[in-house]
Amino acid sequence: MMMRTNIVIDDDLMAEALKLTGIRTKREVVETALRVMIDLKKQARVRDYFGKLDWQGDLEEMRQTR
């Protein structure tokens, strides 16, 4: 599902995003930025579990099998 919307975006910010990423369209820049923001928020939630889960295993052994 897609939603059409009109937004005002800072021209300098958009130009820098286009230049740094190599992305060709403004739409793709906005969609990429939304995906990155969502991924970062999800990662932050995972960090909330640090030190709270019981884990059994040999980390060194796991690293050697890759």
PDB file of N, CA and C in Angstrom:
ATOM      1  N   MET A   1       0.842  -1.176   0.000  1.00  0.00           N
ATOM      2  CA  MET A   1       0.000   0.000   0.000  1.00  0.00           C
ATOM      3  C   MET A   1       0.887   1.239   0.000  1.00  0.00           C
ATOM      4  N   MET A   2       0.503   2.224  -0.763  1.00  0.00           N
ATOM      5  CA  MET A   2       1.284   3.453  -0.832  1.00  0.00           C
ATOM      6  C   MET A   2       0.379   4.632  -0.531  1.00  0.00           C
ATOM      7  N   MET A   3       0.990   5.652   0.070  1.00  0.00           N
ATOM      8  CA  MET A   3       0.239   6.832   0.452  1.00  0.00           C
ATOM      9  C   MET A   3       0.866   8.041  -0.235  1.00  0.00           C
ATOM     10  N   ARG A   4       0.063   8.829  -0.890  1.00  0.00           N
ATOM     11  CA  ARG A   4       0.545  10.050  -1.513  1.00  0.00           C
ATOM     12  C   ARG A   4       0.470  11.171  -0.490  1.00  0.00           C
ATOM     13  N   THR A   5       1.570  11.936  -0.406  1.00  0.00           N
ATOM     14  CA  THR A   5       1.592  13.056   0.521  1.00  0.00           C
ATOM     15  C   THR A   5       2.508  14.147  -0.017  1.00  0.00           C
ATOM     16  N   ASN A   6       2.264  15.352   0.377  1.00  0.00           N
ATOM     17  CA  ASN A   6       3.123  16.481   0.011  1.00  0.00           C
ATOM     18  C   ASN A   6       3.794  16.985   1.278  1.00  0.00           C
ATOM     19  N   ILE A   7       5.117  17.108   1.223  1.00  0.00           N
ATOM     20  CA  ILE A   7       5.845  17.611   2.374  1.00  0.00           C
ATOM     21  C   ILE A   7       6.864  18.649   1.912  1.00  0.00           C
ATOM     22  N   VAL A   8       7.206  19.540   2.805  1.00  0.00           N
ATOM     23  CA  VAL A   8       8.233  20.528   2.520  1.00  0.00           C
ATOM     24  C   VAL A   8       9.527  20.041   3.168  1.00  0.00           C
ATOM     25  N   ILE A   9      10.570  19.902   2.362  1.00  0.00           N
ATOM     26  CA  ILE A   9      11.851  19.403   2.833  1.00  0.00           C
ATOM     27  C   ILE A   9      12.918  20.445   2.510  1.00  0.00           C
ATOM     28  N   ASP A  10      13.806  20.658   3.454  1.00  0.00           N
ATOM     29  CA  ASP A  10      14.908  21.593   3.275  1.00  0.00           C
ATOM     30  C   ASP A  10      15.714  21.204   2.033  1.00  0.00           C
ATOM     31  N   ASP A  11      15.868  22.136   1.086  1.00  0.00           N
ATOM     32  CA  ASP A  11      16.563  21.849  -0.174  1.00  0.00           C
ATOM     33  C   ASP A  11      18.022  21.449   0.041  1.00  0.00           C
ATOM     34  N   ASP A  12      18.698  22.122   0.958  1.00  0.00           N
ATOM     35  CA  ASP A  12      20.107  21.800   1.215  1.00  0.00           C
ATOM     36  C   ASP A  12      20.252  20.401   1.808  1.00  0.00           C
ATOM     37  N   LEU A  13      19.341  20.054   2.696  1.00  0.00           N
ATOM     38  CA  LEU A  13      19.362  18.734   3.311  1.00  0.00           C
ATOM     39  C   LEU A  13      19.132  17.649   2.263  1.00  0.00           C
ATOM     40  N   MET A  14      18.166  17.868   1.392  1.00  0.00           N
ATOM     41  CA  MET A  14      17.881  16.887   0.343  1.00  0.00           C
ATOM     42  C   MET A  14      19.052  16.770  -0.621  1.00  0.00           C
ATOM     43  N   ALA A  15      19.638  17.909  -0.999  1.00  0.00           N
ATOM     44  CA  ALA A  15      20.769  17.883  -1.931  1.00  0.00           C
ATOM     45  C   ALA A  15      21.941  17.110  -1.335  1.00  0.00           C
ATOM     46  N   GLU A  16      22.206  17.321  -0.056  1.00  0.00           N
ATOM     47  CA  GLU A  16      23.301  16.603   0.589  1.00  0.00           C
ATOM     48  C   GLU A  16      23.012  15.105   0.658  1.00  0.00           C
ATOM     49  N   ALA A  17      21.777  14.747   0.975  1.00  0.00           N
ATOM     50  CA  ALA A  17      21.411  13.328   1.035  1.00  0.00           C
ATOM     51  C   ALA A  17      21.559  12.667  -0.332  1.00  0.00           C
ATOM     52  N   LEU A  18      21.120  13.344  -1.368  1.00  0.00           N
ATOM     53  CA  LEU A  18      21.251  12.802  -2.722  1.00  0.00           C
ATOM     54  C   LEU A  18      22.724  12.620  -3.084  1.00  0.00           C
ATOM     55  N   LYS A  19      23.538  13.614  -2.774  1.00  0.00           N
ATOM     56  CA  LYS A  19      24.961  13.566  -3.115  1.00  0.00           C
ATOM     57  C   LYS A  19      25.693  12.469  -2.341  1.00  0.00           C
ATOM     58  N   LEU A  20      25.465  12.403  -1.034  1.00  0.00           N
ATOM     59  CA  LEU A  20      26.199  11.449  -0.198  1.00  0.00           C
ATOM     60  C   LEU A  20      25.803  10.006  -0.451  1.00  0.00           C
ATOM     61  N   THR A  21      24.539   9.780  -0.757  1.00  0.00           N
ATOM     62  CA  THR A  21      24.065   8.404  -0.927  1.00  0.00           C
ATOM     63  C   THR A  21      24.151   7.906  -2.360  1.00  0.00           C
ATOM     64  N   GLY A  22      24.144   8.821  -3.314  1.00  0.00           N
ATOM     65  CA  GLY A  22      24.111   8.411  -4.708  1.00  0.00           C
ATOM     66  C   GLY A  22      22.723   8.004  -5.161  1.00  0.00           C
ATOM     67  N   ILE A  23      21.759   8.167  -4.282  1.00  0.00           N
ATOM     68  CA  ILE A  23      20.369   7.864  -4.637  1.00  0.00           C
ATOM     69  C   ILE A  23      19.906   8.894  -5.655  1.00  0.00           C
ATOM     70  N   ARG A  24      19.104   8.463  -6.616  1.00  0.00           N
ATOM     71  CA  ARG A  24      18.744   9.333  -7.730  1.00  0.00           C
ATOM     72  C   ARG A  24      17.476  10.160  -7.534  1.00  0.00           C
ATOM     73  N   THR A  25      16.554   9.696  -6.704  1.00  0.00           N
ATOM     74  CA  THR A  25      15.288  10.421  -6.580  1.00  0.00           C
ATOM     75  C   THR A  25      15.026  10.855  -5.151  1.00  0.00           C
ATOM     76  N   LYS A  26      14.281  11.926  -5.020  1.00  0.00           N
ATOM     77  CA  LYS A  26      13.916  12.432  -3.696  1.00  0.00           C
ATOM     78  C   LYS A  26      13.033  11.424  -2.971  1.00  0.00           C
ATOM     79  N   ARG A  27      12.146  10.808  -3.698  1.00  0.00           N
ATOM     80  CA  ARG A  27      11.265   9.806  -3.094  1.00  0.00           C
ATOM     81  C   ARG A  27      12.075   8.673  -2.476  1.00  0.00           C
ATOM     82  N   GLU A  28      13.069   8.204  -3.216  1.00  0.00           N
ATOM     83  CA  GLU A  28      13.893   7.109  -2.717  1.00  0.00           C
ATOM     84  C   GLU A  28      14.703   7.542  -1.489  1.00  0.00           C
ATOM     85  N   VAL A  29      15.161   8.791  -1.472  1.00  0.00           N
ATOM     86  CA  VAL A  29      15.870   9.306  -0.296  1.00  0.00           C
ATOM     87  C   VAL A  29      14.961   9.272   0.923  1.00  0.00           C
ATOM     88  N   VAL A  30      13.730   9.748   0.757  1.00  0.00           N
ATOM     89  CA  VAL A  30      12.791   9.781   1.887  1.00  0.00           C
ATOM     90  C   VAL A  30      12.475   8.367   2.356  1.00  0.00           C
ATOM     91  N   GLU A  31      12.215   7.453   1.431  1.00  0.00           N
ATOM     92  CA  GLU A  31      11.902   6.079   1.814  1.00  0.00           C
ATOM     93  C   GLU A  31      13.095   5.406   2.504  1.00  0.00           C
ATOM     94  N   THR A  32      14.290   5.650   2.007  1.00  0.00           N
ATOM     95  CA  THR A  32      15.485   5.091   2.628  1.00  0.00           C
ATOM     96  C   THR A  32      15.671   5.645   4.029  1.00  0.00           C
ATOM     97  N   ALA A  33      15.476   6.950   4.173  1.00  0.00           N
ATOM     98  CA  ALA A  33      15.614   7.575   5.495  1.00  0.00           C
ATOM     99  C   ALA A  33      14.612   6.996   6.480  1.00  0.00           C
ATOM    100  N   LEU A  34      13.384   6.760   6.039  1.00  0.00           N
ATOM    101  CA  LEU A  34      12.378   6.164   6.922  1.00  0.00           C
ATOM    102  C   LEU A  34      12.779   4.754   7.339  1.00  0.00           C
ATOM    103  N   ARG A  35      13.295   3.973   6.386  1.00  0.00           N
ATOM    104  CA  ARG A  35      13.727   2.606   6.712  1.00  0.00           C
ATOM    105  C   ARG A  35      14.884   2.612   7.709  1.00  0.00           C
ATOM    106  N   VAL A  36      15.836   3.516   7.498  1.00  0.00           N
ATOM    107  CA  VAL A  36      16.980   3.616   8.411  1.00  0.00           C
ATOM    108  C   VAL A  36      16.507   4.011   9.809  1.00  0.00           C
ATOM    109  N   MET A  37      15.604   4.977   9.890  1.00  0.00           N
ATOM    110  CA  MET A  37      15.087   5.424  11.183  1.00  0.00           C
ATOM    111  C   MET A  37      14.373   4.277  11.901  1.00  0.00           C
ATOM    112  N   ILE A  38      13.580   3.526  11.187  1.00  0.00           N
ATOM    113  CA  ILE A  38      12.859   2.392  11.776  1.00  0.00           C
ATOM    114  C   ILE A  38      13.855   1.336  12.265  1.00  0.00           C
ATOM    115  N   ASP A  39      14.862   1.021  11.449  1.00  0.00           N
ATOM    116  CA  ASP A  39      15.878   0.032  11.857  1.00  0.00           C
ATOM    117  C   ASP A  39      16.612   0.479  13.111  1.00  0.00           C
ATOM    118  N   LEU A  40      16.981   1.751  13.187  1.00  0.00           N
ATOM    119  CA  LEU A  40      17.683   2.263  14.362  1.00  0.00           C
ATOM    120  C   LEU A  40      16.829   2.167  15.620  1.00  0.00           C
ATOM    121  N   LYS A  41      15.552   2.470  15.497  1.00  0.00           N
ATOM    122  CA  LYS A  41      14.652   2.374  16.652  1.00  0.00           C
ATOM    123  C   LYS A  41      14.502   0.928  17.105  1.00  0.00           C
ATOM    124  N   LYS A  42      14.424   0.005  16.157  1.00  0.00           N
ATOM    125  CA  LYS A  42      14.331  -1.414  16.508  1.00  0.00           C
ATOM    126  C   LYS A  42      15.603  -1.881  17.202  1.00  0.00           C
ATOM    127  N   GLN A  43      16.760  -1.437  16.705  1.00  0.00           N
ATOM    128  CA  GLN A  43      18.024  -1.807  17.331  1.00  0.00           C
ATOM    129  C   GLN A  43      18.106  -1.264  18.752  1.00  0.00           C
ATOM    130  N   ALA A  44      17.614  -0.067  18.959  1.00  0.00           N
ATOM    131  CA  ALA A  44      17.639   0.528  20.297  1.00  0.00           C
ATOM    132  C   ALA A  44      16.806  -0.302  21.266  1.00  0.00           C
ATOM    133  N   ARG A  45      15.688  -0.849  20.801  1.00  0.00           N
ATOM    134  CA  ARG A  45      14.864  -1.696  21.674  1.00  0.00           C
ATOM    135  C   ARG A  45      15.584  -2.982  22.054  1.00  0.00           C
ATOM    136  N   VAL A  46      16.366  -3.531  21.144  1.00  0.00           N
ATOM    137  CA  VAL A  46      17.118  -4.755  21.434  1.00  0.00           C
ATOM    138  C   VAL A  46      18.134  -4.476  22.539  1.00  0.00           C
ATOM    139  N   ARG A  47      18.754  -3.286  22.518  1.00  0.00           N
ATOM    140  CA  ARG A  47      19.739  -2.942  23.541  1.00  0.00           C
ATOM    141  C   ARG A  47      19.139  -2.928  24.946  1.00  0.00           C
ATOM    142  N   ASP A  48      17.848  -2.735  25.049  1.00  0.00           N
ATOM    143  CA  ASP A  48      17.182  -2.737  26.361  1.00  0.00           C
ATOM    144  C   ASP A  48      17.311  -4.091  27.066  1.00  0.00           C
ATOM    145  N   TYR A  49      17.564  -5.145  26.292  1.00  0.00           N
ATOM    146  CA  TYR A  49      17.681  -6.492  26.858  1.00  0.00           C
ATOM    147  C   TYR A  49      19.102  -6.816  27.325  1.00  0.00           C
ATOM    148  N   PHE A  50      20.064  -5.916  27.075  1.00  0.00           N
ATOM    149  CA  PHE A  50      21.449  -6.169  27.434  1.00  0.00           C
ATOM    150  C   PHE A  50      21.571  -6.495  28.919  1.00  0.00           C
ATOM    151  N   GLY A  51      22.159  -7.665  29.214  1.00  0.00           N
ATOM    152  CA  GLY A  51      22.372  -8.092  30.586  1.00  0.00           C
ATOM    153  C   GLY A  51      21.147  -8.668  31.271  1.00  0.00           C
ATOM    154  N   LYS A  52      20.034  -8.795  30.555  1.00  0.00           N
ATOM    155  CA  LYS A  52      18.797  -9.266  31.175  1.00  0.00           C
ATOM    156  C   LYS A  52      18.409 -10.679  30.738  1.00  0.00           C
ATOM    157  N   LEU A  53      19.098 -11.227  29.753  1.00  0.00           N
ATOM    158  CA  LEU A  53      18.756 -12.551  29.250  1.00  0.00           C
ATOM    159  C   LEU A  53      19.813 -13.553  29.685  1.00  0.00           C
ATOM    160  N   ASP A  54      19.376 -14.737  30.058  1.00  0.00           N
ATOM    161  CA  ASP A  54      20.288 -15.799  30.449  1.00  0.00           C
ATOM    162  C   ASP A  54      20.721 -16.533  29.186  1.00  0.00           C
ATOM    163  N   TRP A  55      22.016 -16.625  28.952  1.00  0.00           N
ATOM    164  CA  TRP A  55      22.541 -17.288  27.767  1.00  0.00           C
ATOM    165  C   TRP A  55      23.564 -18.328  28.182  1.00  0.00           C
ATOM    166  N   GLN A  56      23.467 -19.483  27.593  1.00  0.00           N
ATOM    167  CA  GLN A  56      24.413 -20.570  27.840  1.00  0.00           C
ATOM    168  C   GLN A  56      25.105 -20.874  26.514  1.00  0.00           C
ATOM    169  N   GLY A  57      26.413 -20.961  26.519  1.00  0.00           N
ATOM    170  CA  GLY A  57      27.121 -21.300  25.290  1.00  0.00           C
ATOM    171  C   GLY A  57      28.566 -20.880  25.363  1.00  0.00           C
ATOM    172  N   ASP A  58      29.290 -21.238  24.313  1.00  0.00           N
ATOM    173  CA  ASP A  58      30.712 -20.912  24.216  1.00  0.00           C
ATOM    174  C   ASP A  58      30.891 -19.939  23.061  1.00  0.00           C
ATOM    175  N   LEU A  59      31.034 -18.665  23.379  1.00  0.00           N
ATOM    176  CA  LEU A  59      31.150 -17.629  22.361  1.00  0.00           C
ATOM    177  C   LEU A  59      32.377 -17.841  21.487  1.00  0.00           C
ATOM    178  N   GLU A  60      33.476 -18.208  22.091  1.00  0.00           N
ATOM    179  CA  GLU A  60      34.706 -18.432  21.315  1.00  0.00           C
ATOM    180  C   GLU A  60      34.519 -19.546  20.294  1.00  0.00           C
ATOM    181  N   GLU A  61      33.851 -20.623  20.693  1.00  0.00           N
ATOM    182  CA  GLU A  61      33.578 -21.737  19.775  1.00  0.00           C
ATOM    183  C   GLU A  61      32.670 -21.271  18.628  1.00  0.00           C
ATOM    184  N   MET A  62      31.677 -20.489  18.934  1.00  0.00           N
ATOM    185  CA  MET A  62      30.763 -19.980  17.905  1.00  0.00           C
ATOM    186  C   MET A  62      31.505 -19.106  16.893  1.00  0.00           C
ATOM    187  N   ARG A  63      32.433 -18.321  17.366  1.00  0.00           N
ATOM    188  CA  ARG A  63      33.200 -17.445  16.470  1.00  0.00           C
ATOM    189  C   ARG A  63      34.091 -18.247  15.531  1.00  0.00           C
ATOM    190  N   GLN A  64      34.595 -19.384  15.968  1.00  0.00           N
ATOM    191  CA  GLN A  64      35.499 -20.187  15.150  1.00  0.00           C
ATOM    192  C   GLN A  64      34.772 -20.983  14.096  1.00  0.00           C
ATOM    193  N   THR A  65      33.487 -21.250  14.261  1.00  0.00           N
ATOM    194  CA  THR A  65      32.759 -22.074  13.302  1.00  0.00           C
ATOM    195  C   THR A  65      32.266 -21.281  12.107  1.00  0.00           C
ATOM    196  N   ARG A  66      32.457 -19.992  12.111  1.00  0.00           N
ATOM    197  CA  ARG A  66      31.975 -19.167  10.974  1.00  0.00           C
ATOM    198  C   ARG A  66      32.983 -19.091   9.906  1.00  0.00           C
TER     199      ARG A  66
END
